[in-house]
C-alpha atoms as a PDB file:
ATOM      1  CA  UNK A   1      63.721 -35.748 110.730  1.00  0.00           C
ATOM      2  CA  UNK A   2      65.928 -37.399 108.099  1.00  0.00           C
ATOM      3  CA  UNK A   3      68.724 -37.507 110.666  1.00  0.00           C
ATOM      4  CA  UNK A   4      66.509 -39.304 113.194  1.00  0.00           C
ATOM      5  CA  UNK A   5      65.373 -41.797 110.562  1.00  0.00           C
ATOM      6  CA  UNK A   6      68.968 -42.609 109.708  1.00  0.00           C
ATOM      7  CA  UNK A   7      69.895 -42.968 113.375  1.00  0.00           C
ATOM      8  CA  UNK A   8      67.110 -45.436 114.138  1.00  0.00           C
ATOM      9  CA  UNK A   9      67.143 -47.079 110.714  1.00  0.00           C
ATOM     10  CA  UNK A  10      68.334 -50.387 112.129  1.00  0.00           C
ATOM     11  CA  UNK A  11      65.182 -50.842 114.204  1.00  0.00           C
ATOM     12  CA  UNK A  12      62.854 -49.667 111.447  1.00  0.00           C
ATOM     13  CA  UNK A  13      64.489 -52.001 108.935  1.00  0.00           C
ATOM     14  CA  UNK A  14      64.368 -54.880 111.408  1.00  0.00           C
ATOM     15  CA  UNK A  15      60.608 -54.433 111.762  1.00  0.00           C
ATOM     16  CA  UNK A  16      60.103 -53.419 108.124  1.00  0.00           C
ATOM     17  CA  UNK A  17      58.109 -50.339 109.113  1.00  0.00           C
ATOM     18  CA  UNK A  18      58.221 -46.678 108.135  1.00  0.00           C
ATOM     19  CA  UNK A  19      59.303 -43.917 110.479  1.00  0.00           C
ATOM     20  CA  UNK A  20      56.424 -42.163 112.280  1.00  0.00           C
ATOM     21  CA  UNK A  21      55.211 -38.825 110.971  1.00  0.00           C
ATOM     22  CA  UNK A  22      57.345 -35.956 112.254  1.00  0.00           C
ATOM     23  CA  UNK A  23      55.518 -32.933 113.696  1.00  0.00           C
ATOM     24  CA  UNK A  24      57.706 -29.837 113.944  1.00  0.00           C
ATOM     25  CA  UNK A  25      54.966 -27.327 114.761  1.00  0.00           C
ATOM     26  CA  UNK A  26      51.671 -27.402 116.659  1.00  0.00           C
ATOM     27  CA  UNK A  27      48.820 -24.909 116.575  1.00  0.00           C
ATOM     28  CA  UNK A  28      47.238 -22.976 119.424  1.00  0.00           C
ATOM     29  CA  UNK A  29      44.876 -25.156 121.449  1.00  0.00           C
ATOM     30  CA  UNK A  30      45.911 -28.355 119.651  1.00  0.00           C
ATOM     31  CA  UNK A  31      45.670 -31.370 122.013  1.00  0.00           C
ATOM     32  CA  UNK A  32      49.085 -33.002 122.475  1.00  0.00           C
ATOM     33  CA  UNK A  33      50.757 -35.667 124.573  1.00  0.00           C
ATOM     34  CA  UNK A  34      54.434 -35.199 125.404  1.00  0.00           C
ATOM     35  CA  UNK A  35      56.442 -38.409 125.611  1.00  0.00           C
ATOM     36  CA  UNK A  36      60.098 -38.602 126.696  1.00  0.00           C
ATOM     37  CA  UNK A  37      60.404 -34.825 127.150  1.00  0.00           C
ATOM     38  CA  UNK A  38      58.710 -31.899 128.847  1.00  0.00           C
ATOM     39  CA  UNK A  39      60.898 -28.832 128.352  1.00  0.00           C
ATOM     40  CA  UNK A  40      59.385 -26.448 125.820  1.00  0.00           C
ATOM     41  CA  UNK A  41      62.839 -25.687 124.381  1.00  0.00           C
ATOM     42  CA  UNK A  42      63.110 -29.351 123.364  1.00  0.00           C
ATOM     43  CA  UNK A  43      59.643 -29.644 121.835  1.00  0.00           C
ATOM     44  CA  UNK A  44      57.751 -28.588 118.721  1.00  0.00           C
ATOM     45  CA  UNK A  45      57.353 -24.944 117.763  1.00  0.00           C
ATOM     46  CA  UNK A  46      54.229 -23.461 119.348  1.00  0.00           C
ATOM     47  CA  UNK A  47      54.073 -26.039 122.158  1.00  0.00           C
ATOM     48  CA  UNK A  48      53.590 -23.315 124.778  1.00  0.00           C
ATOM     49  CA  UNK A  49      50.188 -22.500 123.238  1.00  0.00           C
ATOM     50  CA  UNK A  50      49.038 -26.078 122.695  1.00  0.00           C
ATOM     51  CA  UNK A  51      46.721 -27.981 125.036  1.00  0.00           C
ATOM     52  CA  UNK A  52      49.036 -30.436 126.786  1.00  0.00           C
ATOM     53  CA  UNK A  53      46.846 -33.238 128.090  1.00  0.00           C
ATOM     54  CA  UNK A  54      49.423 -35.786 129.249  1.00  0.00           C
ATOM     55  CA  UNK A  55      53.160 -36.083 129.883  1.00  0.00           C
ATOM     56  CA  UNK A  56      55.063 -39.361 130.265  1.00  0.00           C
ATOM     57  CA  UNK A  57      58.746 -38.732 130.892  1.00  0.00           C
ATOM     58  CA  UNK A  58      61.924 -39.679 132.757  1.00  0.00           C
ATOM     59  CA  UNK A  59      63.806 -36.377 132.526  1.00  0.00           C
ATOM     60  CA  UNK A  60      64.045 -33.384 134.843  1.00  0.00           C
ATOM     61  CA  UNK A  61      61.046 -31.054 134.854  1.00  0.00           C
ATOM     62  CA  UNK A  62      61.986 -27.557 133.722  1.00  0.00           C
ATOM     63  CA  UNK A  63      60.635 -24.582 131.738  1.00  0.00           C
ATOM     64  CA  UNK A  64      57.210 -26.185 131.841  1.00  0.00           C
ATOM     65  CA  UNK A  65      53.783 -24.824 132.708  1.00  0.00           C
ATOM     66  CA  UNK A  66      50.208 -25.320 131.556  1.00  0.00           C
ATOM     67  CA  UNK A  67      46.985 -23.355 131.805  1.00  0.00           C
ATOM     68  CA  UNK A  68      44.958 -26.397 132.863  1.00  0.00           C
ATOM     69  CA  UNK A  69      45.473 -29.513 134.989  1.00  0.00           C
ATOM     70  CA  UNK A  70      46.860 -32.553 133.218  1.00  0.00           C
ATOM     71  CA  UNK A  71      47.987 -36.133 133.695  1.00  0.00           C
ATOM     72  CA  UNK A  72      51.715 -36.115 134.441  1.00  0.00           C
ATOM     73  CA  UNK A  73      53.808 -39.219 135.029  1.00  0.00           C
ATOM     74  CA  UNK A  74      57.538 -38.983 135.567  1.00  0.00           C
ATOM     75  CA  UNK A  75      59.765 -41.675 137.036  1.00  0.00           C
ATOM     76  CA  UNK A  76      63.550 -41.800 137.594  1.00  0.00           C
ATOM     77  CA  UNK A  77      64.214 -44.733 135.289  1.00  0.00           C
ATOM     78  CA  UNK A  78      66.620 -45.143 132.389  1.00  0.00           C
ATOM     79  CA  UNK A  79      64.027 -44.994 129.630  1.00  0.00           C
ATOM     80  CA  UNK A  80      60.466 -43.746 129.143  1.00  0.00           C
ATOM     81  CA  UNK A  81      59.591 -47.096 127.535  1.00  0.00           C
ATOM     82  CA  UNK A  82      59.969 -48.674 130.967  1.00  0.00           C
ATOM     83  CA  UNK A  83      57.147 -46.435 132.164  1.00  0.00           C
ATOM     84  CA  UNK A  84      55.074 -47.190 129.053  1.00  0.00           C
ATOM     85  CA  UNK A  85      55.467 -50.920 129.703  1.00  0.00           C
ATOM     86  CA  UNK A  86      54.090 -50.412 133.212  1.00  0.00           C
ATOM     87  CA  UNK A  87      51.157 -48.426 131.815  1.00  0.00           C
ATOM     88  CA  UNK A  88      50.344 -51.270 129.407  1.00  0.00           C
ATOM     89  CA  UNK A  89      50.273 -53.671 132.334  1.00  0.00           C
ATOM     90  CA  UNK A  90      48.206 -51.356 134.525  1.00  0.00           C
ATOM     91  CA  UNK A  91      45.604 -51.037 131.779  1.00  0.00           C
ATOM     92  CA  UNK A  92      45.672 -54.816 131.136  1.00  0.00           C
ATOM     93  CA  UNK A  93      46.620 -54.199 127.512  1.00  0.00           C
ATOM     94  CA  UNK A  94      48.464 -56.794 125.469  1.00  0.00           C
ATOM     95  CA  UNK A  95      51.847 -55.796 124.095  1.00  0.00           C
ATOM     96  CA  UNK A  96      52.281 -56.954 120.506  1.00  0.00           C
ATOM     97  CA  UNK A  97      55.607 -58.189 119.144  1.00  0.00           C
ATOM     98  CA  UNK A  98      56.377 -55.014 117.161  1.00  0.00           C
ATOM     99  CA  UNK A  99      55.573 -52.858 120.164  1.00  0.00           C
ATOM    100  CA  UNK A 100      57.827 -55.031 122.304  1.00  0.00           C
ATOM    101  CA  UNK A 101      60.706 -54.647 119.836  1.00  0.00           C
ATOM    102  CA  UNK A 102      60.279 -50.869 119.732  1.00  0.00           C
ATOM    103  CA  UNK A 103      60.186 -50.521 123.518  1.00  0.00           C
ATOM    104  CA  UNK A 104      63.071 -52.935 124.011  1.00  0.00           C
ATOM    105  CA  UNK A 105      65.131 -51.031 121.423  1.00  0.00           C
ATOM    106  CA  UNK A 106      64.452 -47.740 123.182  1.00  0.00           C
ATOM    107  CA  UNK A 107      65.611 -49.115 126.542  1.00  0.00           C
ATOM    108  CA  UNK A 108      68.780 -50.546 125.012  1.00  0.00           C
ATOM    109  CA  UNK A 109      69.479 -47.235 123.270  1.00  0.00           C
ATOM    110  CA  UNK A 110      68.822 -45.040 126.314  1.00  0.00           C
ATOM    111  CA  UNK A 111      70.817 -47.218 128.701  1.00  0.00           C
ATOM    112  CA  UNK A 112      73.575 -48.145 126.244  1.00  0.00           C
ATOM    113  CA  UNK A 113      72.773 -51.820 126.792  1.00  0.00           C
ATOM    114  CA  UNK A 114      72.516 -51.277 130.579  1.00  0.00           C
ATOM    115  CA  UNK A 115      75.956 -49.606 130.858  1.00  0.00           C
ATOM    116  CA  UNK A 116      74.629 -46.098 131.512  1.00  0.00           C
ATOM    117  CA  UNK A 117      74.408 -44.881 135.142  1.00  0.00           C
ATOM    118  CA  UNK A 118      70.791 -43.947 134.380  1.00  0.00           C
ATOM    119  CA  UNK A 119      69.897 -47.633 134.049  1.00  0.00           C
ATOM    120  CA  UNK A 120      67.808 -49.111 136.867  1.00  0.00           C
ATOM    121  CA  UNK A 121      66.806 -52.625 137.886  1.00  0.00           C
ATOM    122  CA  UNK A 122      63.354 -51.823 136.522  1.00  0.00           C
ATOM    123  CA  UNK A 123      64.761 -51.118 133.049  1.00  0.00           C
ATOM    124  CA  UNK A 124      66.580 -54.457 133.023  1.00  0.00           C
ATOM    125  CA  UNK A 125      63.548 -56.343 134.317  1.00  0.00           C
ATOM    126  CA  UNK A 126      61.218 -54.756 131.756  1.00  0.00           C
ATOM    127  CA  UNK A 127      63.711 -55.446 128.967  1.00  0.00           C
ATOM    128  CA  UNK A 128      63.788 -59.105 129.987  1.00  0.00           C
ATOM    129  CA  UNK A 129      59.986 -59.285 129.763  1.00  0.00           C
ATOM    130  CA  UNK A 130      59.977 -57.544 126.377  1.00  0.00           C
ATOM    131  CA  UNK A 131      62.601 -59.951 125.050  1.00  0.00           C
ATOM    132  CA  UNK A 132      60.268 -62.852 125.874  1.00  0.00           C
ATOM    133  CA  UNK A 133      57.448 -61.215 123.915  1.00  0.00           C
ATOM    134  CA  UNK A 134      59.637 -60.283 120.957  1.00  0.00           C
ATOM    135  CA  UNK A 135      61.782 -63.424 120.918  1.00  0.00           C
ATOM    136  CA  UNK A 136      64.904 -61.265 120.746  1.00  0.00           C
ATOM    137  CA  UNK A 137      68.252 -62.038 122.354  1.00  0.00           C
ATOM    138  CA  UNK A 138      68.970 -58.773 124.155  1.00  0.00           C
ATOM    139  CA  UNK A 139      72.770 -58.838 124.011  1.00  0.00           C
ATOM    140  CA  UNK A 140      73.101 -59.925 120.377  1.00  0.00           C
ATOM    141  CA  UNK A 141      70.383 -57.608 119.055  1.00  0.00           C
ATOM    142  CA  UNK A 142      71.400 -54.765 121.353  1.00  0.00           C
ATOM    143  CA  UNK A 143      75.058 -54.775 120.360  1.00  0.00           C
ATOM    144  CA  UNK A 144      74.180 -54.985 116.660  1.00  0.00           C
ATOM    145  CA  UNK A 145      71.752 -52.084 117.041  1.00  0.00           C
ATOM    146  CA  UNK A 146      74.231 -49.885 118.901  1.00  0.00           C
ATOM    147  CA  UNK A 147      77.007 -50.623 116.412  1.00  0.00           C
ATOM    148  CA  UNK A 148      74.666 -49.799 113.521  1.00  0.00           C
ATOM    149  CA  UNK A 149      74.221 -46.353 115.000  1.00  0.00           C
ATOM    150  CA  UNK A 150      77.941 -45.627 115.243  1.00  0.00           C
ATOM    151  CA  UNK A 151      78.641 -45.191 111.531  1.00  0.00           C
ATOM    152  CA  UNK A 152      78.839 -41.399 111.282  1.00  0.00           C
ATOM    153  CA  UNK A 153      80.864 -41.230 108.070  1.00  0.00           C
ATOM    154  CA  UNK A 154      78.024 -39.967 105.873  1.00  0.00           C
ATOM    155  CA  UNK A 155      76.894 -37.179 108.209  1.00  0.00           C
ATOM    156  CA  UNK A 156      77.838 -33.574 107.515  1.00  0.00           C
ATOM    157  CA  UNK A 157      79.178 -31.594 110.508  1.00  0.00           C
ATOM    158  CA  UNK A 158      75.841 -29.766 110.702  1.00  0.00           C
ATOM    159  CA  UNK A 159      73.941 -33.051 110.774  1.00  0.00           C
ATOM    160  CA  UNK A 160      76.365 -34.566 113.259  1.00  0.00           C
ATOM    161  CA  UNK A 161      75.790 -31.920 115.935  1.00  0.00           C
ATOM    162  CA  UNK A 162      72.026 -32.257 115.522  1.00  0.00           C
ATOM    163  CA  UNK A 163      71.689 -36.051 115.609  1.00  0.00           C
ATOM    164  CA  UNK A 164      70.834 -35.904 119.320  1.00  0.00           C
ATOM    165  CA  UNK A 165      71.006 -32.343 120.576  1.00  0.00           C
ATOM    166  CA  UNK A 166      69.124 -30.672 123.428  1.00  0.00           C
ATOM    167  CA  UNK A 167      69.005 -27.199 124.914  1.00  0.00           C
ATOM    168  CA  UNK A 168      69.136 -26.771 128.684  1.00  0.00           C
ATOM    169  CA  UNK A 169      68.282 -23.330 130.021  1.00  0.00           C
ATOM    170  CA  UNK A 170      69.051 -21.724 133.362  1.00  0.00           C
ATOM    171  CA  UNK A 171      67.346 -18.347 133.320  1.00  0.00           C
ATOM    172  CA  UNK A 172      68.581 -16.605 130.190  1.00  0.00           C
ATOM    173  CA  UNK A 173      71.655 -18.823 129.999  1.00  0.00           C
ATOM    174  CA  UNK A 174      71.461 -21.418 127.209  1.00  0.00           C
ATOM    175  CA  UNK A 175      73.478 -24.629 127.186  1.00  0.00           C
ATOM    176  CA  UNK A 176      73.360 -26.855 124.109  1.00  0.00           C
ATOM    177  CA  UNK A 177      74.480 -30.430 124.700  1.00  0.00           C
ATOM    178  CA  UNK A 178      74.743 -32.788 121.733  1.00  0.00           C
ATOM    179  CA  UNK A 179      75.791 -36.422 121.824  1.00  0.00           C
ATOM    180  CA  UNK A 180      76.882 -38.981 119.250  1.00  0.00           C
ATOM    181  CA  UNK A 181      77.795 -42.623 119.828  1.00  0.00           C
ATOM    182  CA  UNK A 182      80.779 -44.223 118.164  1.00  0.00           C
ATOM    183  CA  UNK A 183      83.064 -47.228 118.330  1.00  0.00           C
ATOM    184  CA  UNK A 184      86.100 -45.020 117.575  1.00  0.00           C
ATOM    185  CA  UNK A 185      86.380 -41.465 118.894  1.00  0.00           C
ATOM    186  CA  UNK A 186      89.393 -40.699 116.697  1.00  0.00           C
ATOM    187  CA  UNK A 187      87.366 -41.320 113.540  1.00  0.00           C
ATOM    188  CA  UNK A 188      84.961 -38.552 114.523  1.00  0.00           C
ATOM    189  CA  UNK A 189      87.758 -36.154 115.522  1.00  0.00           C
ATOM    190  CA  UNK A 190      89.285 -36.329 112.043  1.00  0.00           C
ATOM    191  CA  UNK A 191      86.740 -33.675 111.087  1.00  0.00           C
ATOM    192  CA  UNK A 192      87.158 -31.640 114.288  1.00  0.00           C
ATOM    193  CA  UNK A 193      87.665 -28.210 112.691  1.00  0.00           C
ATOM    194  CA  UNK A 194      84.555 -28.492 110.546  1.00  0.00           C
ATOM    195  CA  UNK A 195      82.556 -29.740 113.544  1.00  0.00           C
ATOM    196  CA  UNK A 196      83.711 -26.764 115.624  1.00  0.00           C
ATOM    197  CA  UNK A 197      82.701 -24.403 112.837  1.00  0.00           C
ATOM    198  CA  UNK A 198      79.229 -25.971 112.716  1.00  0.00           C
ATOM    199  CA  UNK A 199      78.953 -25.644 116.507  1.00  0.00           C
ATOM    200  CA  UNK A 200      79.986 -21.981 116.374  1.00  0.00           C
ATOM    201  CA  UNK A 201      77.444 -21.243 113.645  1.00  0.00           C
ATOM    202  CA  UNK A 202      74.734 -22.942 115.717  1.00  0.00           C
ATOM    203  CA  UNK A 203      75.632 -20.841 118.762  1.00  0.00           C
ATOM    204  CA  UNK A 204      75.480 -17.611 116.763  1.00  0.00           C
ATOM    205  CA  UNK A 205      72.118 -18.562 115.273  1.00  0.00           C
ATOM    206  CA  UNK A 206      70.483 -19.694 118.519  1.00  0.00           C
ATOM    207  CA  UNK A 207      72.179 -17.439 121.055  1.00  0.00           C
ATOM    208  CA  UNK A 208      73.783 -20.315 122.965  1.00  0.00           C
ATOM    209  CA  UNK A 209      76.240 -19.457 125.746  1.00  0.00           C
ATOM    210  CA  UNK A 210      77.852 -22.887 125.873  1.00  0.00           C
ATOM    211  CA  UNK A 211      77.911 -25.812 123.426  1.00  0.00           C
ATOM    212  CA  UNK A 212      79.134 -29.254 124.436  1.00  0.00           C
ATOM    213  CA  UNK A 213      79.412 -32.121 121.958  1.00  0.00           C
ATOM    214  CA  UNK A 214      79.849 -35.497 123.632  1.00  0.00           C
ATOM    215  CA  UNK A 215      81.526 -38.110 121.456  1.00  0.00           C
ATOM    216  CA  UNK A 216      80.735 -41.273 123.372  1.00  0.00           C
ATOM    217  CA  UNK A 217      82.664 -44.520 122.989  1.00  0.00           C
ATOM    218  CA  UNK A 218      79.974 -47.177 123.529  1.00  0.00           C
ATOM    219  CA  UNK A 219      82.536 -49.983 123.815  1.00  0.00           C
ATOM    220  CA  UNK A 220      84.675 -48.444 126.576  1.00  0.00           C
ATOM    221  CA  UNK A 221      82.050 -46.194 128.219  1.00  0.00           C
ATOM    222  CA  UNK A 222      83.988 -42.911 127.961  1.00  0.00           C
ATOM    223  CA  UNK A 223      83.375 -39.599 126.197  1.00  0.00           C
ATOM    224  CA  UNK A 224      85.505 -37.006 124.467  1.00  0.00           C
ATOM    225  CA  UNK A 225      83.906 -33.573 124.705  1.00  0.00           C
ATOM    226  CA  UNK A 226      84.313 -30.682 122.297  1.00  0.00           C
ATOM    227  CA  UNK A 227      83.478 -27.481 124.184  1.00  0.00           C
ATOM    228  CA  UNK A 228      82.819 -24.019 122.729  1.00  0.00           C
ATOM    229  CA  UNK A 229      81.644 -20.785 124.291  1.00  0.00           C
ATOM    230  CA  UNK A 230      81.754 -20.187 128.043  1.00  0.00           C
ATOM    231  CA  UNK A 231      84.493 -22.726 128.695  1.00  0.00           C
ATOM    232  CA  UNK A 232      85.182 -21.578 132.325  1.00  0.00           C
ATOM    233  CA  UNK A 233      81.695 -22.760 133.321  1.00  0.00           C
ATOM    234  CA  UNK A 234      82.421 -26.214 131.916  1.00  0.00           C
ATOM    235  CA  UNK A 235      85.843 -26.348 133.568  1.00  0.00           C
ATOM    236  CA  UNK A 236      84.352 -25.397 136.932  1.00  0.00           C
ATOM    237  CA  UNK A 237      81.619 -28.005 136.567  1.00  0.00           C
ATOM    238  CA  UNK A 238      83.999 -30.886 135.865  1.00  0.00           C
ATOM    239  CA  UNK A 239      87.177 -29.626 137.562  1.00  0.00           C
ATOM    240  CA  UNK A 240      89.030 -30.215 134.310  1.00  0.00           C
ATOM    241  CA  UNK A 241      91.044 -28.045 131.950  1.00  0.00           C
ATOM    242  CA  UNK A 242      89.792 -27.738 128.377  1.00  0.00           C
ATOM    243  CA  UNK A 243      92.670 -27.771 125.895  1.00  0.00           C
ATOM    244  CA  UNK A 244      92.203 -26.999 122.216  1.00  0.00           C
ATOM    245  CA  UNK A 245      88.429 -27.000 122.908  1.00  0.00           C
ATOM    246  CA  UNK A 246      88.580 -30.634 124.064  1.00  0.00           C
ATOM    247  CA  UNK A 247      88.505 -32.638 127.272  1.00  0.00           C
ATOM    248  CA  UNK A 248      88.308 -36.373 127.988  1.00  0.00           C
ATOM    249  CA  UNK A 249      85.565 -37.485 130.391  1.00  0.00           C
ATOM    250  CA  UNK A 250      86.340 -40.941 131.727  1.00  0.00           C
ATOM    251  CA  UNK A 251      83.292 -43.026 132.562  1.00  0.00           C
ATOM    252  CA  UNK A 252      80.877 -40.378 131.292  1.00  0.00           C
ATOM    253  CA  UNK A 253      78.176 -41.669 128.938  1.00  0.00           C
ATOM    254  CA  UNK A 254      74.957 -40.027 130.146  1.00  0.00           C
ATOM    255  CA  UNK A 255      74.044 -36.468 129.174  1.00  0.00           C
ATOM    256  CA  UNK A 256      70.976 -36.598 131.411  1.00  0.00           C
ATOM    257  CA  UNK A 257      72.705 -37.711 134.602  1.00  0.00           C
ATOM    258  CA  UNK A 258      76.423 -36.969 134.249  1.00  0.00           C
ATOM    259  CA  UNK A 259      76.647 -33.788 132.180  1.00  0.00           C
ATOM    260  CA  UNK A 260      73.547 -31.558 132.078  1.00  0.00           C
ATOM    261  CA  UNK A 261      72.837 -31.480 135.853  1.00  0.00           C
ATOM    262  CA  UNK A 262      76.506 -30.861 136.661  1.00  0.00           C
ATOM    263  CA  UNK A 263      76.583 -27.785 134.411  1.00  0.00           C
ATOM    264  CA  UNK A 264      73.180 -26.548 135.566  1.00  0.00           C
ATOM    265  CA  UNK A 265      74.273 -26.834 139.218  1.00  0.00           C
ATOM    266  CA  UNK A 266      77.229 -24.548 138.523  1.00  0.00           C
ATOM    267  CA  UNK A 267      74.971 -22.021 136.823  1.00  0.00           C
END
C-alpha cells in the first residue's frame, strides 16, 4: 500500500487527506463491493469466498463468478469514476468538492489527460462538470498531477514493477502486465538489469508465463516494453521482434485496450 500512497500522493496532499485504509484480505461471507476491478486475481486474498454485493467497473469481465445474484454495472468508458459520477446524478446526490477532485483526478490518471485510446466523450464531459464543482483547471492540474507521478528515482526495482501491476489469466496461462509513467524512458532504463532481475524473481514466485513492463512516456504517448518469459507469444501478438528483452511500442499507452487484449487474443 505504501507504493500506492506514494503514487497518488499529489492528490492526497492537494486535498490534505489521508490515504484510505488498505484491505489485503477478506473473510468468508464478508460483504464487499468491487470498484474498478472484477477479476479475482486482481483483488484481495479470499475474495472468492466473500459475499460480493455490487460491482462497478470499466474493465473486461473475467475469472469472475458468485454464488448469489448481485448488482453489476460495467460500461466501456475510460474511468470508473465516470460511472460513479452518473450514479451520483441518478440518485440525486450532491457531489462535494473533495469528491469532485478525487473523481476528476482518477479520470485524468486513467485517460492520461484524455490522450489514452480508452478515453470517451463521456469521460471528457464528466471531467468538465467535475472541474466546475472543484474549481480546478483541468489542464494545469492534470499535467502537474501526471508529472508528479513520473518521479521514479526513489523506487526499488521490486517496488517499480508493483506500482501498477495486474495479472491476466487465460486458462492456466498467467500474464503479468505492469506499467509505470515517466517523462523520460531512458531514466528508467538506467536500472534495466536490476528491473529484469526483479521481474524474473516475481515470475518464479508467482508462476507467471509472461511478464511485460510498460514504461510509458506520458509526454509523447509511446511505451518501451521490457518482456520476460514466453517472448514468442508477445512477438506474435504485436508482430514485433523483441531484442535484448525490449521492444518499442509507438502510440501504445493503454494496458487495458492496447496490450492485455492483444496478448489474450493470441493465447
